[in-house]
């Protein structure tokens, strides 16, 4: 072992101008920063900001669902391949000792610190089947990609913890997920790229701790009225050395010969350097592309909590997941199979937004009932209809409308359903079979006339139906808002002394909630009512008027109910709100 270490050290020092980085770090205990702190991938985790960022990414990768899917090459249809041999490995346990959750946690921790995540791919004897995945150390002295001159192929040189050579592994048998890379072979360490920021944070923390440790004797100077004797100087020097070694908190200095101590005073905020450390946290968050709010910097501002999960997935997780899935697809799967992550845990924080999204996708035929149930973690339904995709009948293309039962009738009169024996006639867009007129020529002419009527009337019918649906959504939303207001009013009426202030405070936030809920349907009503050239100002005025009219009426009713004896207030409020929230 010692001989091997000496040999490796000699090889690393062969070029004194450019020694291996692992040796530089081993000698210096990490790269020194301008703050004087030595930063390595591992001691950087002692910085709370880095620890929070790395843990946020690794724990997020832990909770994502891993799915193996199959894409039909002809139709493009995607189905879950639950029976694929890689599904239990990637989703349950990558080897007999490591679960998939732990494996992903370790790999992402390596990526967030060293910039490289290595996993040895254990295959069967024939080499055509993956048996297990084993985490490898990301340290350069343990796992190192090299390109052999003999065949020009990429291999990985492996060493154990003692530094002993274990062998070369072909690139096909090493799952290598890279962070930012310049050569496409090895990723750069995020810690090394922001080591100055991390060093500043650690130096600020160290200084604050020293100030707290030493108390008011941490910084200052001594004033002597004349020249200090050698004996007094020796005693003071010894006392200061003992104070420095054990800390100056509650330690009293004995000053001789009329000496005075002038301490440098700091406020609590200055000693903790709160603003500087907050800036450093945001710098780390920026480097890892994580919203400061996710790292619990709740003073960052501009944070929409309801959309925080979506923002985190879009701007932070997606690039990392692409690195994961591209490497997994290349090394572990073959077409038409591929791997993907299920982001539903991050998109399910807002139940109303999630249900609205699913309802919209279902109404346009993008999702089936079983796909929605799968997203919600529910069991599949056995009915065939649960796998079908549905679309509204009034939204089919006009040239297909006749195939859906909208048959033009040849003459005017009352609508009919085309049943045998029913009176002939119709308005040109009535359901039913076409009834021929006296002769073939007249029948063809009637069909042309009916088709022209269909193309003229159908857009109007569809637009009116859409407008009606949008108005129903507005009405339903106002009913739901009324139900919320009624519940709050009943709770506030329990304490007559605080009833009016509580109602005022409630409506200040309730108006914002109403704006969020009504903005989309009100704009849809304006657009459908005034046409595609309806301006945004019209929609804003309509939204403002709708909310003000609703709130003013409800508040006026509550203010009128409050004009009574305190003991009568609960009954008066209950009488006022009993119809709120009803259609």
Protein backbone atom coordinates (compact mmCIF):
# COMPACT_ATOMS: atom_id res chain seq x y z
CA UNK A 1 0.00 0.00 0.00
CA UNK A 2 2.75 2.47 0.97
CA UNK A 3 4.72 1.61 -2.13
CA UNK A 4 1.67 2.17 -4.31
CA UNK A 5 1.03 5.53 -2.63
CA UNK A 6 4.65 6.56 -3.18
CA UNK A 7 4.41 5.53 -6.83
CA UNK A 8 1.20 7.48 -7.38
CA UNK A 9 2.65 10.52 -5.61
CA UNK A 10 5.75 10.38 -7.78
CA UNK A 11 3.61 10.14 -10.91
CA UNK A 12 1.51 13.08 -9.77
CA UNK A 13 4.63 15.13 -9.12
CA UNK A 14 6.24 14.15 -12.42
CA UNK A 15 5.21 17.50 -13.78
CA UNK A 16 5.79 20.06 -11.03
CA UNK A 17 4.24 22.74 -13.19
CA UNK A 18 0.89 20.92 -13.39
CA UNK A 19 0.44 18.36 -10.58
CA UNK A 20 -2.79 16.36 -10.29
CA UNK A 21 -5.57 18.24 -8.52
CA UNK A 22 -6.11 15.48 -5.95
CA UNK A 23 -2.53 15.90 -4.74
CA UNK A 24 -2.88 19.69 -4.51
CA UNK A 25 -6.03 19.26 -2.44
CA UNK A 26 -4.40 16.61 -0.26
CA UNK A 27 -1.44 18.87 0.52
CA UNK A 28 -3.43 22.08 0.98
CA UNK A 29 -6.56 20.50 2.46
CA UNK A 30 -8.56 22.12 -0.31
CA UNK A 31 -8.06 25.05 -2.60
CA UNK A 32 -7.34 28.27 -0.72
CA UNK A 33 -9.63 31.23 -1.35
CA UNK A 34 -8.92 34.95 -0.99
CA UNK A 35 -10.64 34.81 2.42
CA UNK A 36 -7.99 32.37 3.61
CA UNK A 37 -10.42 29.43 3.84
CA UNK A 38 -9.52 26.12 2.20
CA UNK A 39 -12.53 24.69 0.34
CA UNK A 40 -13.06 21.09 -0.76
CA UNK A 41 -16.16 19.33 -2.05
CA UNK A 42 -16.72 17.74 1.34
CA UNK A 43 -15.99 20.57 3.78
CA UNK A 44 -18.08 22.88 1.58
CA UNK A 45 -21.11 21.02 2.97
CA UNK A 46 -20.31 22.59 6.35
CA UNK A 47 -21.59 25.82 4.77
CA UNK A 48 -25.32 25.88 5.45
CA UNK A 49 -26.12 27.47 2.07
CA UNK A 50 -24.27 24.80 0.09
CA UNK A 51 -25.70 22.04 2.27
CA UNK A 52 -29.22 23.37 1.68
CA UNK A 53 -28.74 23.59 -2.11
CA UNK A 54 -27.15 20.15 -2.50
CA UNK A 55 -29.69 18.50 -0.19
CA UNK A 56 -32.56 20.21 -2.00
CA UNK A 57 -31.48 18.69 -5.32
CA UNK A 58 -30.68 15.22 -3.97
CA UNK A 59 -33.86 14.93 -1.93
CA UNK A 60 -35.90 16.13 -4.90
CA UNK A 61 -34.40 13.39 -7.08
CA UNK A 62 -35.28 10.91 -4.32
CA UNK A 63 -39.01 11.62 -4.39
CA UNK A 64 -39.43 11.66 -8.17
CA UNK A 65 -41.09 8.56 -9.59
CA UNK A 66 -39.00 6.62 -12.14
CA UNK A 67 -40.95 5.15 -15.06
CA UNK A 68 -39.89 2.96 -17.98
CA UNK A 69 -42.02 3.71 -21.03
CA UNK A 70 -42.41 2.32 -24.53
CA UNK A 71 -43.04 4.50 -27.57
CA UNK A 72 -44.74 3.02 -30.62
CA UNK A 73 -42.52 3.93 -33.56
CA UNK A 74 -45.44 4.27 -35.99
CA UNK A 75 -48.19 5.95 -34.00
CA UNK A 76 -45.98 7.67 -31.43
CA UNK A 77 -48.21 6.36 -28.64
CA UNK A 78 -46.47 6.06 -25.25
CA UNK A 79 -47.32 3.34 -22.73
CA UNK A 80 -45.85 2.42 -19.37
CA UNK A 81 -43.65 -0.68 -19.59
CA UNK A 82 -44.23 -2.02 -16.09
CA UNK A 83 -42.86 -5.45 -17.00
CA UNK A 84 -39.52 -4.19 -18.32
CA UNK A 85 -36.53 -5.79 -16.57
CA UNK A 86 -35.05 -2.37 -15.67
CA UNK A 87 -38.21 -1.10 -13.92
CA UNK A 88 -37.59 -2.85 -10.56
CA UNK A 89 -33.89 -1.91 -10.66
CA UNK A 90 -34.44 1.81 -11.29
CA UNK A 91 -37.58 2.17 -9.17
CA UNK A 92 -36.99 -0.24 -6.27
CA UNK A 93 -33.42 -1.51 -5.62
CA UNK A 94 -30.35 -1.02 -7.83
CA UNK A 95 -28.47 -3.81 -6.06
CA UNK A 96 -28.99 -6.14 -3.06
CA UNK A 97 -27.58 -3.51 -0.71
CA UNK A 98 -28.92 -0.22 -2.09
CA UNK A 99 -32.44 0.99 -2.77
CA UNK A 100 -33.20 3.18 -5.74
CA UNK A 101 -33.93 6.10 -3.41
CA UNK A 102 -30.53 5.86 -1.72
CA UNK A 103 -28.76 5.40 -5.06
CA UNK A 104 -30.32 8.55 -6.51
CA UNK A 105 -29.58 10.47 -3.32
CA UNK A 106 -25.90 9.51 -3.43
CA UNK A 107 -25.50 10.18 -7.16
CA UNK A 108 -27.09 13.61 -6.96
CA UNK A 109 -24.99 14.50 -3.90
CA UNK A 110 -21.89 13.62 -5.92
CA UNK A 111 -23.17 15.72 -8.82
CA UNK A 112 -23.92 18.70 -6.58
CA UNK A 113 -20.41 18.68 -5.09
CA UNK A 114 -17.94 16.99 -7.44
CA UNK A 115 -19.92 17.51 -10.67
CA UNK A 116 -19.74 13.81 -11.60
CA UNK A 117 -21.87 10.84 -10.59
CA UNK A 118 -20.48 7.37 -11.33
CA UNK A 119 -22.26 4.01 -11.12
CA UNK A 120 -20.69 0.73 -12.22
CA UNK A 121 -23.07 -1.30 -14.39
CA UNK A 122 -22.93 -4.98 -13.47
CA UNK A 123 -24.04 -7.15 -16.40
CA UNK A 124 -24.51 -10.87 -16.82
CA UNK A 125 -21.83 -13.10 -18.37
CA UNK A 126 -23.10 -12.50 -21.89
CA UNK A 127 -23.16 -8.77 -21.23
CA UNK A 128 -26.66 -8.25 -22.60
CA UNK A 129 -28.56 -7.86 -19.33
CA UNK A 130 -28.12 -5.39 -16.46
CA UNK A 131 -27.98 -7.13 -13.09
CA UNK A 132 -27.21 -4.23 -10.72
CA UNK A 133 -25.82 -0.70 -10.36
CA UNK A 134 -23.10 0.18 -7.84
CA UNK A 135 -22.20 3.70 -6.68
CA UNK A 136 -18.59 4.74 -7.27
CA UNK A 137 -16.63 7.47 -5.53
CA UNK A 138 -16.46 10.68 -7.58
CA UNK A 139 -12.94 11.50 -6.33
CA UNK A 140 -10.39 11.69 -9.13
CA UNK A 141 -8.03 9.29 -7.35
CA UNK A 142 -10.82 6.67 -7.14
CA UNK A 143 -12.61 6.97 -10.50
CA UNK A 144 -10.99 8.62 -13.47
CA UNK A 145 -12.04 8.64 -17.16
CA UNK A 146 -9.13 8.04 -19.54
CA UNK A 147 -8.83 7.48 -23.28
CA UNK A 148 -6.54 4.62 -24.27
CA UNK A 149 -4.12 5.35 -27.07
CA UNK A 150 -4.23 1.76 -28.33
CA UNK A 151 -7.87 1.82 -29.47
CA UNK A 152 -8.92 5.46 -28.83
CA UNK A 153 -11.87 4.35 -26.67
CA UNK A 154 -13.00 5.78 -23.35
CA UNK A 155 -12.35 3.75 -20.19
CA UNK A 156 -12.62 4.38 -16.47
CA UNK A 157 -9.64 3.70 -14.23
CA UNK A 158 -10.76 2.41 -10.84
CA UNK A 159 -8.94 2.39 -7.49
CA UNK A 160 -10.15 1.20 -4.10
CA UNK A 161 -10.06 3.13 -0.82
CA UNK A 162 -6.46 2.03 -0.20
CA UNK A 163 -5.38 3.39 -3.56
CA UNK A 164 -4.92 -0.05 -5.09
CA UNK A 165 -5.65 -0.38 -8.80
CA UNK A 166 -8.85 -2.31 -9.50
CA UNK A 167 -8.92 -2.27 -13.28
CA UNK A 168 -10.26 -0.51 -16.37
CA UNK A 169 -13.98 -0.44 -17.13
CA UNK A 170 -15.32 0.28 -20.65
CA UNK A 171 -17.51 3.36 -20.91
CA UNK A 172 -20.50 1.13 -21.78
CA UNK A 173 -20.32 -0.34 -18.25
CA UNK A 174 -20.09 2.95 -16.36
CA UNK A 175 -23.13 5.15 -15.86
CA UNK A 176 -21.55 8.61 -15.81
CA UNK A 177 -23.83 11.60 -15.19
CA UNK A 178 -22.02 14.90 -15.71
CA UNK A 179 -22.63 18.45 -14.57
CA UNK A 180 -21.26 21.36 -16.60
CA UNK A 181 -18.64 19.90 -18.94
CA UNK A 182 -16.22 21.48 -21.38
CA UNK A 183 -14.94 18.33 -23.08
CA UNK A 184 -18.01 16.08 -22.87
CA UNK A 185 -16.06 13.60 -20.73
CA UNK A 186 -15.81 14.95 -17.21
CA UNK A 187 -18.01 17.46 -15.42
CA UNK A 188 -16.86 20.49 -13.49
CA UNK A 189 -17.30 20.71 -9.73
CA UNK A 190 -19.91 23.32 -8.72
CA UNK A 191 -18.06 23.76 -5.43
CA UNK A 192 -14.78 24.64 -7.14
CA UNK A 193 -16.51 27.14 -9.40
CA UNK A 194 -18.02 29.05 -6.47
CA UNK A 195 -15.31 28.36 -3.89
CA UNK A 196 -14.71 32.10 -3.38
CA UNK A 197 -18.37 32.57 -2.43
CA UNK A 198 -18.27 29.58 -0.10
CA UNK A 199 -14.99 30.78 1.41
CA UNK A 200 -16.52 34.18 2.11
CA UNK A 201 -19.46 32.55 3.87
CA UNK A 202 -17.21 30.33 6.00
CA UNK A 203 -14.93 33.27 6.86
CA UNK A 204 -17.95 35.37 7.91
CA UNK A 205 -19.22 32.54 10.07
CA UNK A 206 -15.79 31.99 11.61
CA UNK A 207 -15.40 35.69 12.47
CA UNK A 208 -18.87 35.89 14.00
CA UNK A 209 -18.16 32.81 16.12
CA UNK A 210 -14.84 34.24 17.32
CA UNK A 211 -16.53 37.49 18.34
CA UNK A 212 -19.19 35.62 20.30
CA UNK A 213 -16.55 33.37 21.86
CA UNK A 214 -14.31 36.21 23.03
CA UNK A 215 -17.08 38.57 24.08
CA UNK A 216 -16.19 42.24 24.42
CA UNK A 217 -12.43 41.47 24.55
CA UNK A 218 -12.28 40.21 20.99
CA UNK A 219 -11.06 43.40 19.37
CA UNK A 220 -9.50 46.56 20.74
CA UNK A 221 -6.23 48.06 21.96
CA UNK A 222 -4.42 49.02 25.16
CA UNK A 223 -3.39 52.54 26.14
CA UNK A 224 -0.46 53.05 28.54
CA UNK A 225 0.25 56.48 30.03
CA UNK A 226 4.00 56.02 29.74
CA UNK A 227 6.44 53.24 29.01
CA UNK A 228 5.44 49.75 30.09
CA UNK A 229 7.85 47.80 32.29
CA UNK A 230 9.15 44.47 31.07
CA UNK A 231 7.55 42.57 33.96
CA UNK A 232 4.11 44.10 33.36
CA UNK A 233 4.46 43.48 29.62
CA UNK A 234 5.37 39.80 30.22
CA UNK A 235 2.40 39.29 32.56
CA UNK A 236 0.00 40.98 30.10
CA UNK A 237 1.33 38.95 27.18
CA UNK A 238 0.90 35.71 29.12
CA UNK A 239 -2.62 36.69 30.16
CA UNK A 240 -3.59 37.53 26.60
CA UNK A 241 -2.21 34.21 25.36
CA UNK A 242 -4.30 32.33 27.91
CA UNK A 243 -7.35 34.39 26.99
CA UNK A 244 -6.84 33.70 23.30
CA UNK A 245 -6.50 29.98 23.95
CA UNK A 246 -9.53 29.56 26.19
CA UNK A 247 -11.72 32.41 24.98
CA UNK A 248 -12.27 35.76 26.63
CA UNK A 249 -15.94 35.37 27.57
CA UNK A 250 -16.36 36.32 31.25
CA UNK A 251 -12.56 36.65 31.54
CA UNK A 252 -11.39 39.73 33.44
CA UNK A 253 -8.07 41.30 32.54
CA UNK A 254 -5.93 42.81 35.31
CA UNK A 255 -4.31 45.92 33.89
CA UNK A 256 -1.23 47.47 35.53
CA UNK A 257 0.48 50.82 35.61
CA UNK A 258 -2.62 52.83 34.68
CA UNK A 259 -3.30 51.00 31.42
CA UNK A 260 -6.72 51.23 29.76
CA UNK A 261 -8.44 48.95 27.25
CA UNK A 262 -10.38 50.50 24.38
CA UNK A 263 -12.67 47.91 22.83
CA UNK A 264 -14.19 48.11 19.37
CA UNK A 265 -17.95 47.89 19.73
CA UNK A 266 -20.18 46.02 17.30
CA UNK A 267 -23.94 45.69 17.11
CA UNK A 268 -25.54 42.27 17.05
CA UNK A 269 -26.32 42.67 13.34
CA UNK A 270 -22.72 43.66 12.57
CA UNK A 271 -21.28 40.75 14.56
CA UNK A 272 -23.44 38.23 12.73
CA UNK A 273 -22.97 40.02 9.36
CA UNK A 274 -26.54 39.15 8.47
CA UNK A 275 -26.73 41.07 5.21
CA UNK A 276 -23.43 39.66 3.95
CA UNK A 277 -24.40 36.09 4.77
CA UNK A 278 -27.83 36.56 3.23
CA UNK A 279 -26.17 37.79 0.06
CA UNK A 280 -23.89 34.73 0.08
CA UNK A 281 -26.89 32.42 0.44
CA UNK A 282 -28.50 34.02 -2.60
CA UNK A 283 -25.23 33.74 -4.52
CA UNK A 284 -25.16 29.99 -3.84
CA UNK A 285 -28.83 29.70 -4.81
CA UNK A 286 -28.08 31.54 -8.04
CA UNK A 287 -25.17 29.22 -8.82
CA UNK A 288 -27.36 26.13 -8.39
CA UNK A 289 -30.32 27.81 -10.12
CA UNK A 290 -32.58 27.34 -7.11
CA UNK A 291 -35.07 29.96 -5.99
CA UNK A 292 -33.92 31.49 -2.65
CA UNK A 293 -37.41 30.79 -1.28
CA UNK A 294 -36.81 27.05 -1.75
CA UNK A 295 -33.72 27.44 0.47
CA UNK A 296 -35.94 29.17 3.06
CA UNK A 297 -34.88 32.71 2.26
CA UNK A 298 -38.39 34.01 2.78
CA UNK A 299 -37.30 37.63 2.43
CA UNK A 300 -36.29 37.23 -1.22
CA UNK A 301 -39.57 38.74 -2.47
CA UNK A 302 -41.38 38.16 -5.74
CA UNK A 303 -42.30 34.63 -4.69
CA UNK A 304 -45.62 33.14 -5.73
CA UNK A 305 -45.94 30.22 -3.34
CA UNK A 306 -48.71 28.60 -5.38
CA UNK A 307 -46.39 28.40 -8.42
CA UNK A 308 -43.16 27.66 -6.54
CA UNK A 309 -43.32 23.93 -7.30
CA UNK A 310 -43.85 24.57 -11.02
CA UNK A 311 -40.97 27.06 -11.10
CA UNK A 312 -38.66 24.66 -9.28
CA UNK A 313 -39.47 21.84 -11.71
CA UNK A 314 -39.13 24.03 -14.82
CA UNK A 315 -36.00 26.00 -14.04
CA UNK A 316 -34.11 23.69 -11.67
CA UNK A 317 -35.10 20.02 -11.86
CA UNK A 318 -35.68 19.60 -15.60
CA UNK A 319 -32.04 20.19 -16.65
CA UNK A 320 -30.82 17.76 -13.99
CA UNK A 321 -33.40 15.15 -14.98
CA UNK A 322 -32.36 15.46 -18.63
CA UNK A 323 -28.79 14.64 -17.60
CA UNK A 324 -30.07 11.58 -15.75
CA UNK A 325 -32.47 10.25 -18.37
CA UNK A 326 -30.15 10.79 -21.34
CA UNK A 327 -27.41 8.71 -19.68
CA UNK A 328 -29.86 6.03 -18.50
CA UNK A 329 -31.41 5.75 -21.97
CA UNK A 330 -28.00 5.50 -23.62
CA UNK A 331 -26.46 2.92 -21.26
CA UNK A 332 -29.35 0.90 -19.80
CA UNK A 333 -32.22 0.93 -22.32
CA UNK A 334 -32.77 0.34 -26.01
CA UNK A 335 -35.39 1.79 -28.33
CA UNK A 336 -38.36 1.88 -28.22
CA UNK A 337 -37.95 1.95 -24.42
CA UNK A 338 -36.96 5.07 -22.51
CA UNK A 339 -36.90 6.39 -18.96
CA UNK A 340 -38.72 9.42 -17.58
CA UNK A 341 -39.38 11.01 -14.19
CA UNK A 342 -42.85 11.68 -12.80
CA UNK A 343 -43.04 15.26 -11.48
CA UNK A 344 -46.50 14.96 -9.93
CA UNK A 345 -45.17 15.24 -6.32
CA UNK A 346 -44.09 18.83 -7.09
CA UNK A 347 -47.20 19.74 -9.07
CA UNK A 348 -49.73 18.50 -6.50
CA UNK A 349 -49.21 21.20 -3.87
CA UNK A 350 -52.19 23.22 -5.15
CA UNK A 351 -55.19 20.83 -5.45
CA UNK A 352 -57.41 23.36 -7.22
CA UNK A 353 -54.78 24.15 -9.87
CA UNK A 354 -54.04 20.45 -10.36
CA UNK A 355 -57.71 19.52 -10.76
CA UNK A 356 -58.25 22.43 -13.19
CA UNK A 357 -55.29 21.27 -15.28
CA UNK A 358 -56.56 17.69 -15.37
CA UNK A 359 -60.08 18.82 -16.23
CA UNK A 360 -58.78 20.90 -19.11
CA UNK A 361 -56.60 18.11 -20.47
CA UNK A 362 -59.46 15.64 -20.20
CA UNK A 363 -61.89 17.97 -21.99
CA UNK A 364 -59.59 18.30 -25.02
CA UNK A 365 -58.84 14.59 -25.20
CA UNK A 366 -55.25 14.85 -23.91
CA UNK A 367 -55.84 12.62 -20.86
CA UNK A 368 -58.04 9.66 -20.06
CA UNK A 369 -59.66 8.79 -16.74
CA UNK A 370 -57.03 6.15 -16.03
CA UNK A 371 -54.19 8.53 -16.84
CA UNK A 372 -55.60 11.00 -14.33
CA UNK A 373 -55.98 8.25 -11.74
CA UNK A 374 -52.39 7.16 -12.34
CA UNK A 375 -51.20 10.73 -11.78
CA UNK A 376 -53.12 10.82 -8.51
CA UNK A 377 -51.72 7.46 -7.36
CA UNK A 378 -55.07 5.68 -7.69
CA UNK A 379 -55.81 2.24 -9.10
CA UNK A 380 -56.86 1.83 -12.71
CA UNK A 381 -60.49 1.23 -13.65
CA UNK A 382 -61.23 -1.94 -15.61
CA UNK A 383 -63.89 -0.37 -17.83
CA UNK A 384 -62.68 0.16 -21.43
CA UNK A 385 -64.11 3.69 -21.40
CA UNK A 386 -61.58 4.65 -18.69
CA UNK A 387 -58.79 4.40 -21.27
CA UNK A 388 -60.64 6.33 -23.97
CA UNK A 389 -60.10 10.00 -24.80
CA UNK A 390 -63.14 12.25 -25.14
CA UNK A 391 -63.73 15.61 -26.84
CA UNK A 392 -66.83 17.86 -26.85
CA UNK A 393 -69.09 17.20 -29.82
CA UNK A 394 -69.55 20.90 -30.60
CA UNK A 395 -65.78 21.25 -31.15
CA UNK A 396 -65.37 18.77 -34.02
CA UNK A 397 -64.16 20.20 -37.37
CA UNK A 398 -66.99 21.55 -39.54
CA UNK A 399 -66.21 19.18 -42.39
CA UNK A 400 -66.74 16.29 -39.95
CA UNK A 401 -69.91 17.58 -38.36
CA UNK A 402 -72.19 15.65 -40.75
CA UNK A 403 -70.52 12.41 -39.65
CA UNK A 404 -71.43 13.12 -36.03
CA UNK A 405 -75.19 13.15 -36.63
CA UNK A 406 -75.72 16.78 -37.75
CA UNK A 407 -77.65 16.12 -41.00
CA UNK A 408 -79.28 18.95 -42.93
CA UNK A 409 -83.01 18.60 -43.64
CA UNK A 410 -84.31 19.59 -47.09
CA UNK A 411 -87.13 21.87 -46.03
CA UNK A 412 -88.01 24.29 -43.30
CA UNK A 413 -90.37 23.58 -40.42
CA UNK A 414 -90.15 22.12 -36.96
CA UNK A 415 -86.96 20.29 -35.94
CA UNK A 416 -87.05 16.51 -36.11
CA UNK A 417 -84.85 13.69 -34.92
CA UNK A 418 -84.93 11.70 -38.20
CA UNK A 419 -86.92 8.82 -36.78
CA UNK A 420 -89.29 6.96 -39.13
CA UNK A 421 -92.68 8.56 -39.19
CA UNK A 422 -91.51 11.90 -37.85
CA UNK A 423 -92.58 15.01 -39.78
CA UNK A 424 -90.08 16.23 -42.32
CA UNK A 425 -88.44 19.60 -41.97
CA UNK A 426 -85.76 21.18 -39.79
CA UNK A 427 -83.57 24.21 -39.43
CA UNK A 428 -80.57 22.89 -41.39
CA UNK A 429 -78.54 21.73 -38.39
CA UNK A 430 -80.97 19.35 -36.70
CA UNK A 431 -79.85 15.79 -35.82
CA UNK A 432 -81.39 13.08 -37.96
CA UNK A 433 -81.13 11.32 -41.28
CA UNK A 434 -81.55 13.30 -44.49
CA UNK A 435 -84.97 12.74 -46.04
CA UNK A 436 -84.93 12.86 -49.88
CA UNK A 437 -87.36 15.27 -51.60
CA UNK A 438 -89.48 14.47 -54.69
CA UNK A 439 -86.60 13.83 -57.10
CA UNK A 440 -82.86 13.19 -57.06
CA UNK A 441 -82.04 16.64 -58.48
CA UNK A 442 -84.13 18.40 -55.83
CA UNK A 443 -82.53 16.24 -53.11
CA UNK A 444 -78.99 17.22 -54.20
CA UNK A 445 -79.95 20.91 -54.30
CA UNK A 446 -81.47 20.66 -50.82
CA UNK A 447 -78.31 18.99 -49.51
CA UNK A 448 -76.14 21.84 -50.86
CA UNK A 449 -78.44 24.43 -49.32
CA UNK A 450 -78.38 22.63 -45.96
CA UNK A 451 -74.58 22.34 -45.97
CA UNK A 452 -74.25 26.07 -46.62
CA UNK A 453 -76.57 26.76 -43.72
CA UNK A 454 -74.55 24.43 -41.52
CA UNK A 455 -71.29 26.29 -42.25
CA UNK A 456 -73.02 29.59 -41.53
CA UNK A 457 -74.85 28.68 -38.33
CA UNK A 458 -72.46 26.20 -36.68
CA UNK A 459 -69.75 28.74 -35.73
CA UNK A 460 -72.41 30.91 -34.13
CA UNK A 461 -73.80 27.96 -32.22
CA UNK A 462 -70.33 26.92 -31.03
CA UNK A 463 -69.48 30.49 -29.99
CA UNK A 464 -72.75 30.87 -28.08
CA UNK A 465 -72.19 27.56 -26.30
CA UNK A 466 -68.65 28.58 -25.35
CA UNK A 467 -69.90 31.96 -24.08
CA UNK A 468 -72.59 30.21 -22.04
CA UNK A 469 -70.00 27.85 -20.57
CA UNK A 470 -67.70 30.75 -19.63
CA UNK A 471 -70.57 32.62 -17.98
CA UNK A 472 -71.47 29.47 -16.03
CA UNK A 473 -67.88 29.25 -14.79
CA UNK A 474 -68.03 32.88 -13.62
CA UNK A 475 -71.33 32.24 -11.84
CA UNK A 476 -70.02 29.05 -10.20
CA UNK A 477 -66.90 30.87 -9.04
CA UNK A 478 -68.95 33.65 -7.46
CA UNK A 479 -71.06 31.02 -5.68
CA UNK A 480 -67.90 29.37 -4.36
CA UNK A 481 -66.58 32.75 -3.19
CA UNK A 482 -69.89 33.40 -1.45
CA UNK A 483 -69.56 30.09 0.39
CA UNK A 484 -66.11 31.10 1.62
CA UNK A 485 -67.42 34.50 2.73
CA UNK A 486 -70.33 32.90 4.59
CA UNK A 487 -68.04 30.56 6.53
CA UNK A 488 -65.72 33.41 7.49
CA UNK A 489 -68.62 35.64 8.54
CA UNK A 490 -70.08 32.90 10.79
CA UNK A 491 -66.70 32.40 12.46
CA UNK A 492 -66.19 36.13 12.97
CA UNK A 493 -69.68 36.54 14.49
CA UNK A 494 -68.67 34.33 17.42
CA UNK A 495 -66.78 37.32 18.85
CA UNK A 496 -68.87 40.48 18.35
CA UNK A 497 -66.03 42.72 19.62
CA UNK A 498 -63.69 41.80 16.77
CA UNK A 499 -66.36 41.15 14.12
CA UNK A 500 -65.97 44.30 12.01
CA UNK A 501 -62.10 44.42 12.08
CA UNK A 502 -61.96 40.75 11.20
CA UNK A 503 -64.37 41.20 8.28
CA UNK A 504 -62.33 44.14 6.97
CA UNK A 505 -59.08 42.15 7.20
CA UNK A 506 -60.69 39.15 5.51
CA UNK A 507 -61.95 41.11 2.50
CA UNK A 508 -58.54 42.72 1.94
CA UNK A 509 -57.13 39.29 1.08
CA UNK A 510 -60.34 37.91 -0.36
CA UNK A 511 -60.37 40.45 -3.19
CA UNK A 512 -56.98 39.17 -4.35
CA UNK A 513 -58.25 35.59 -4.23
CA UNK A 514 -61.30 36.54 -6.28
CA UNK A 515 -59.13 38.25 -8.87
CA UNK A 516 -57.01 35.10 -9.31
CA UNK A 517 -60.09 32.87 -9.59
CA UNK A 518 -62.13 35.12 -11.91
CA UNK A 519 -59.50 36.59 -14.21
CA UNK A 520 -59.43 33.76 -16.78
CA UNK A 521 -63.20 33.11 -17.09
CA UNK A 522 -64.08 36.83 -17.15
CA UNK A 523 -61.55 37.46 -19.92
CA UNK A 524 -63.04 34.52 -21.82
CA UNK A 525 -66.52 36.03 -21.51
CA UNK A 526 -65.30 39.38 -22.82
CA UNK A 527 -63.43 37.77 -25.70
CA UNK A 528 -66.41 35.64 -26.75
CA UNK A 529 -68.84 38.50 -26.33
CA UNK A 530 -66.84 41.26 -28.06
CA UNK A 531 -64.83 39.19 -30.54
CA UNK A 532 -61.13 38.57 -31.08
CA UNK A 533 -60.33 42.29 -31.07
CA UNK A 534 -61.54 42.83 -27.53
CA UNK A 535 -58.88 44.81 -25.68
CA UNK A 536 -57.35 43.96 -22.34
CA UNK A 537 -58.82 47.13 -20.88
CA UNK A 538 -62.35 45.82 -21.43
CA UNK A 539 -61.52 42.61 -19.59
CA UNK A 540 -59.88 44.49 -16.69
CA UNK A 541 -62.90 46.77 -16.33
CA UNK A 542 -65.28 43.80 -16.45
CA UNK A 543 -63.20 41.97 -13.82
CA UNK A 544 -63.02 45.03 -11.59
CA UNK A 545 -66.76 45.68 -11.81
CA UNK A 546 -67.65 42.03 -11.19
CA UNK A 547 -65.53 41.83 -8.05
CA UNK A 548 -66.56 45.23 -6.68
CA UNK A 549 -70.26 44.55 -7.22
CA UNK A 550 -70.01 41.19 -5.48
CA UNK A 551 -67.89 42.40 -2.53
CA UNK A 552 -69.84 45.61 -2.01
CA UNK A 553 -73.13 43.74 -1.77
CA UNK A 554 -71.82 41.15 0.68
CA UNK A 555 -70.03 43.66 2.92
CA UNK A 556 -73.03 46.00 3.02
CA UNK A 557 -75.23 43.12 4.14
CA UNK A 558 -72.77 42.21 6.93
CA UNK A 559 -72.44 45.82 8.08
CA UNK A 560 -76.21 46.10 8.29
CA UNK A 561 -76.38 42.85 10.29
CA UNK A 562 -73.83 44.23 12.78
CA UNK A 563 -76.19 47.03 13.80
CA UNK A 564 -77.68 45.03 16.65
CA UNK A 565 -76.95 43.90 20.18
CA UNK A 566 -73.80 41.78 20.55
CA UNK A 567 -75.82 38.78 21.71
CA UNK A 568 -77.95 38.96 18.56
CA UNK A 569 -75.04 39.16 16.11
CA UNK A 570 -74.54 35.40 15.44
CA UNK A 571 -78.22 34.94 14.64
CA UNK A 572 -78.37 38.03 12.41
CA UNK A 573 -75.27 36.99 10.47
CA UNK A 574 -76.55 33.44 10.06
CA UNK A 575 -79.80 34.79 8.64
CA UNK A 576 -77.92 37.05 6.18
CA UNK A 577 -75.52 34.41 4.84
CA UNK A 578 -77.87 31.41 4.71
CA UNK A 579 -78.39 31.84 0.96
CA UNK A 580 -74.76 32.63 0.16
CA UNK A 581 -73.00 29.90 -1.73
CA UNK A 582 -76.21 28.49 -3.22
CA UNK A 583 -76.98 28.40 -6.93
